[in-house]
Amino acid sequence: MFHERNGLPGEIVDLNQLQTAPQSVGRPVILPAVTYRVVVAASGRGSNLLALGDALAGSHEAKIVAVLSDRDALVLEAARRRQWPTVRLLNPADPLEMATALRACRADLLVLAGYLRLIPGEVVAEWRGRIINIHPALLPRHGGAGMYGRRVHAAVLAAGDRVSGATVHLVDEAFDRGEILAQGTVPVLPADSPDDLAARVLDVEHRLLPAAVLAAAKHGSPVAFTFD
């Protein structure tokens, strides 16, 4: 069902074997640490993906196990350079295709990092509470269908907002509507262009998204957290 699928490496721990294997008397049973398995979906260059990868480098708490895209985007090349398995979805609106990829990866968390498609409702239902998105504005302002990239920052400036930033939120069946988990803010300066503001917000995104993933890994699922 995939146009591309590179690797999707397995690291399966057979808990039944661990529980039934004979143990020496008095020797404690040490179970292996469980690493939180993160799949990232993106449609663009992948700067948030790379920032997340840098933050998780060497971490035993969470790791990126695959990168999905709805198009032949630069993010796939960026992922291959980091030796992360990639999946190019043939039909991003097909819930079975995306769900099959997530199951094959044994995903604990799906992170939308500049992914421009609405996640199929069936996928949201199966992974409810385990999909997060990062949006380059302070939701609920400046969100919704078609609000991405430069358009968001132009809308912030047109509205005369004095503060902007980034939001991490849970994903539900509508664009940018799910529960907000954390936000990071930046000032909007009088001389800002959309590109000026975008650069300032992107710096926050690169710190906010890893914080959200690590908070989820520690808790076992996405949670609200404080971000400075």
Protein backbone atom coordinates (compact mmCIF):
# COMPACT_ATOMS: atom_id res chain seq x y z
CA MET A 1 0.00 0.00 0.00
CA PHE A 2 3.02 2.27 0.20
CA HIS A 3 5.00 3.93 -2.52
CA GLU A 4 8.02 3.83 -0.27
CA ARG A 5 8.74 2.03 2.96
CA ASN A 6 12.33 1.81 4.06
CA GLY A 7 13.07 -0.54 6.88
CA LEU A 8 10.50 0.06 9.62
CA PRO A 9 12.86 -1.76 12.01
CA GLY A 10 11.38 -3.93 14.70
CA GLU A 11 12.57 -4.15 18.27
CA ILE A 12 9.96 -6.54 19.61
CA VAL A 13 10.22 -7.56 23.26
CA ASP A 14 8.43 -10.84 23.98
CA LEU A 15 6.98 -10.18 27.42
CA ASN A 16 5.73 -13.77 27.71
CA GLN A 17 9.26 -15.07 27.40
CA LEU A 18 10.47 -12.57 29.97
CA GLN A 19 7.79 -13.66 32.39
CA THR A 20 8.30 -17.41 31.96
CA ALA A 21 12.07 -17.62 31.63
CA PRO A 22 13.68 -19.39 34.60
CA GLN A 23 15.27 -17.02 37.08
CA SER A 24 18.04 -17.57 39.58
CA VAL A 25 16.81 -17.58 43.16
CA GLY A 26 17.14 -14.15 44.73
CA ARG A 27 18.12 -12.43 41.47
CA PRO A 28 15.79 -9.55 40.52
CA VAL A 29 14.12 -9.55 37.11
CA ILE A 30 15.17 -6.44 35.17
CA LEU A 31 12.85 -5.57 32.31
CA PRO A 32 14.24 -3.53 29.40
CA ALA A 33 13.36 0.16 29.32
CA VAL A 34 10.51 0.97 26.94
CA THR A 35 11.36 3.66 24.42
CA TYR A 36 8.47 5.84 23.25
CA ARG A 37 8.07 5.32 19.51
CA VAL A 38 7.42 8.51 17.55
CA VAL A 39 6.24 8.80 13.94
CA VAL A 40 6.49 12.25 12.36
CA ALA A 41 4.28 13.39 9.46
CA ALA A 42 5.34 16.44 7.46
CA SER A 43 4.75 18.04 4.07
CA GLY A 44 7.62 20.52 3.74
CA ARG A 45 11.31 20.93 4.46
CA GLY A 46 11.30 19.17 7.81
CA SER A 47 12.94 21.76 10.07
CA ASN A 48 10.77 20.73 13.02
CA LEU A 49 11.57 17.08 12.32
CA LEU A 50 15.31 17.80 12.42
CA ALA A 51 15.00 19.89 15.58
CA LEU A 52 13.09 17.04 17.22
CA GLY A 53 15.70 14.54 16.07
CA ASP A 54 18.49 16.67 17.52
CA ALA A 55 16.65 16.95 20.84
CA LEU A 56 16.08 13.19 21.02
CA ALA A 57 19.60 12.20 19.95
CA GLY A 58 20.98 9.81 22.53
CA SER A 59 17.71 9.76 24.46
CA HIS A 60 16.37 6.49 25.82
CA GLU A 61 12.96 8.05 26.47
CA ALA A 62 11.78 8.57 22.90
CA LYS A 63 12.97 8.03 19.36
CA ILE A 64 11.78 8.73 15.82
CA VAL A 65 10.92 5.42 14.15
CA ALA A 66 9.52 6.68 10.83
CA VAL A 67 8.70 9.79 8.81
CA LEU A 68 5.54 10.02 6.70
CA SER A 69 4.70 12.50 3.96
CA ASP A 70 1.74 13.09 1.67
CA ARG A 71 4.01 14.24 -1.17
CA ASP A 72 7.57 13.99 -2.53
CA ALA A 73 8.71 16.60 -0.06
CA LEU A 74 12.19 17.64 1.04
CA VAL A 75 11.42 16.20 4.46
CA LEU A 76 11.79 12.68 3.05
CA GLU A 77 15.32 13.44 1.86
CA ALA A 78 16.12 14.97 5.24
CA ALA A 79 14.83 11.84 6.96
CA ARG A 80 16.88 9.52 4.76
CA ARG A 81 20.03 11.47 5.58
CA ARG A 82 19.31 10.74 9.24
CA GLN A 83 18.57 7.09 8.35
CA TRP A 84 14.97 7.27 9.54
CA PRO A 85 12.56 4.98 7.65
CA THR A 86 10.29 6.91 5.29
CA VAL A 87 6.76 6.36 4.01
CA ARG A 88 5.39 8.26 1.02
CA LEU A 89 1.61 7.89 1.26
CA LEU A 90 -0.08 7.19 -2.07
CA ASN A 91 -3.47 8.42 -0.88
CA PRO A 92 -3.28 10.52 2.30
CA ALA A 93 -7.09 10.51 2.55
CA ASP A 94 -7.14 6.70 2.81
CA PRO A 95 -7.37 5.85 6.52
CA LEU A 96 -6.27 2.26 5.98
CA GLU A 97 -3.00 3.28 4.35
CA MET A 98 -2.00 5.61 7.17
CA ALA A 99 -3.24 3.29 9.90
CA THR A 100 -1.33 0.37 8.40
CA ALA A 101 1.86 2.41 8.39
CA LEU A 102 1.39 3.45 12.01
CA ARG A 103 0.67 -0.11 13.10
CA ALA A 104 3.71 -1.41 11.22
CA CYS A 105 5.86 1.12 13.08
CA ARG A 106 4.20 0.23 16.40
CA ALA A 107 3.74 3.96 16.88
CA ASP A 108 3.09 5.33 20.35
CA LEU A 109 2.73 8.89 19.09
CA LEU A 110 2.04 10.56 15.75
CA VAL A 111 3.50 14.07 15.51
CA LEU A 112 2.26 16.43 12.81
CA ALA A 113 5.10 18.82 12.05
CA GLY A 114 3.98 20.92 9.13
CA TYR A 115 1.66 18.21 7.78
CA LEU A 116 -0.90 19.94 5.56
CA ARG A 117 -3.57 17.26 5.31
CA LEU A 118 -6.50 16.54 7.57
CA ILE A 119 -5.92 13.22 9.35
CA PRO A 120 -8.67 10.74 8.37
CA GLY A 121 -11.32 10.41 11.03
CA GLU A 122 -10.79 6.68 11.39
CA VAL A 123 -7.11 7.25 12.19
CA VAL A 124 -8.00 9.93 14.73
CA ALA A 125 -10.44 7.53 16.37
CA GLU A 126 -7.90 4.69 16.62
CA TRP A 127 -5.08 6.92 17.91
CA ARG A 128 -7.21 9.42 19.82
CA GLY A 129 -5.09 11.16 22.43
CA ARG A 130 -1.91 9.99 20.71
CA ILE A 131 -1.68 12.52 17.84
CA ILE A 132 -0.28 16.00 18.35
CA ASN A 133 0.23 18.95 16.02
CA ILE A 134 2.36 22.07 16.19
CA HIS A 135 0.79 25.25 14.80
CA PRO A 136 2.66 28.54 14.21
CA ALA A 137 0.21 30.80 16.07
CA LEU A 138 -1.51 31.08 19.42
CA LEU A 139 -4.63 28.99 18.92
CA PRO A 140 -7.55 29.35 18.87
CA ARG A 141 -6.59 32.46 16.87
CA HIS A 142 -5.40 32.06 13.29
CA GLY A 143 -6.12 28.36 12.88
CA GLY A 144 -8.33 26.24 10.66
CA ALA A 145 -8.35 24.97 7.09
CA GLY A 146 -5.83 26.70 4.87
CA MET A 147 -4.04 28.41 7.75
CA TYR A 148 -0.44 27.33 7.48
CA GLY A 149 2.98 28.79 6.80
CA ARG A 150 3.25 32.41 5.70
CA ARG A 151 -0.53 32.79 5.63
CA VAL A 152 -0.67 32.45 9.40
CA HIS A 153 1.92 35.13 10.05
CA ALA A 154 0.31 37.49 7.54
CA ALA A 155 -3.00 37.02 9.35
CA VAL A 156 -1.38 37.79 12.71
CA LEU A 157 0.05 41.05 11.34
CA ALA A 158 -3.21 42.00 9.62
CA ALA A 159 -5.07 41.49 12.91
CA GLY A 160 -2.71 43.82 14.73
CA ASP A 161 -1.77 41.19 17.32
CA ARG A 162 1.04 42.25 19.63
CA VAL A 163 1.98 38.70 20.62
CA SER A 164 2.23 35.52 18.56
CA GLY A 165 3.91 32.18 19.04
CA ALA A 166 3.39 28.46 18.59
CA THR A 167 0.88 25.95 19.94
CA VAL A 168 1.09 22.21 20.51
CA HIS A 169 -2.32 20.57 20.68
CA LEU A 170 -4.05 17.23 20.44
CA VAL A 171 -5.49 16.38 17.04
CA ASP A 172 -9.16 15.66 16.51
CA GLU A 173 -11.38 15.54 13.42
CA ALA A 174 -11.02 19.26 12.58
CA PHE A 175 -8.02 21.45 11.78
CA ASP A 176 -6.40 23.07 14.83
CA ARG A 177 -9.31 22.42 17.20
CA GLY A 178 -8.01 19.86 19.70
CA GLU A 179 -7.04 20.44 23.32
CA ILE A 180 -4.11 22.82 23.73
CA LEU A 181 -1.16 21.25 25.58
CA ALA A 182 1.28 24.16 25.65
CA GLN A 183 2.13 27.44 23.94
CA GLY A 184 5.26 29.52 23.52
CA THR A 185 5.07 33.22 22.77
CA VAL A 186 7.06 35.84 20.87
CA PRO A 187 6.51 39.59 20.52
CA VAL A 188 5.17 40.99 17.29
CA LEU A 189 7.36 43.97 16.40
CA PRO A 190 6.12 47.07 14.56
CA ALA A 191 8.41 46.58 11.57
CA ASP A 192 7.76 42.83 11.21
CA SER A 193 7.09 41.27 7.84
CA PRO A 194 5.46 37.81 7.71
CA ASP A 195 8.91 36.32 7.13
CA ASP A 196 10.41 38.16 10.10
CA LEU A 197 7.67 36.88 12.37
CA ALA A 198 7.90 33.38 10.92
CA ALA A 199 11.59 33.14 11.80
CA ARG A 200 10.94 34.20 15.38
CA VAL A 201 8.06 31.75 15.79
CA LEU A 202 10.04 28.91 14.21
CA ASP A 203 12.67 29.22 16.92
CA VAL A 204 9.93 28.64 19.50
CA GLU A 205 8.55 25.68 17.52
CA HIS A 206 11.97 24.03 17.53
CA ARG A 207 11.98 24.08 21.34
CA LEU A 208 8.28 23.56 22.02
CA LEU A 209 7.80 20.40 19.96
CA PRO A 210 10.63 18.40 21.60
CA ALA A 211 9.34 19.49 25.00
CA ALA A 212 5.90 18.14 24.09
CA VAL A 213 7.27 14.80 22.89
CA LEU A 214 9.46 14.32 25.96
CA ALA A 215 6.56 15.20 28.25
CA ALA A 216 4.44 12.61 26.45
CA ALA A 217 7.20 10.00 26.71
CA LYS A 218 7.54 10.51 30.46
CA HIS A 219 3.79 10.32 31.02
CA GLY A 220 3.03 7.60 28.46
CA SER A 221 0.72 9.86 26.45
CA PRO A 222 0.49 13.55 25.50
CA VAL A 223 -0.13 15.84 28.45
CA ALA A 224 -0.45 19.55 29.14
CA PHE A 225 2.84 21.02 30.37
CA THR A 226 4.46 24.31 31.23
CA PHE A 227 6.77 25.84 28.64
CA ASP A 228 8.99 28.85 29.29
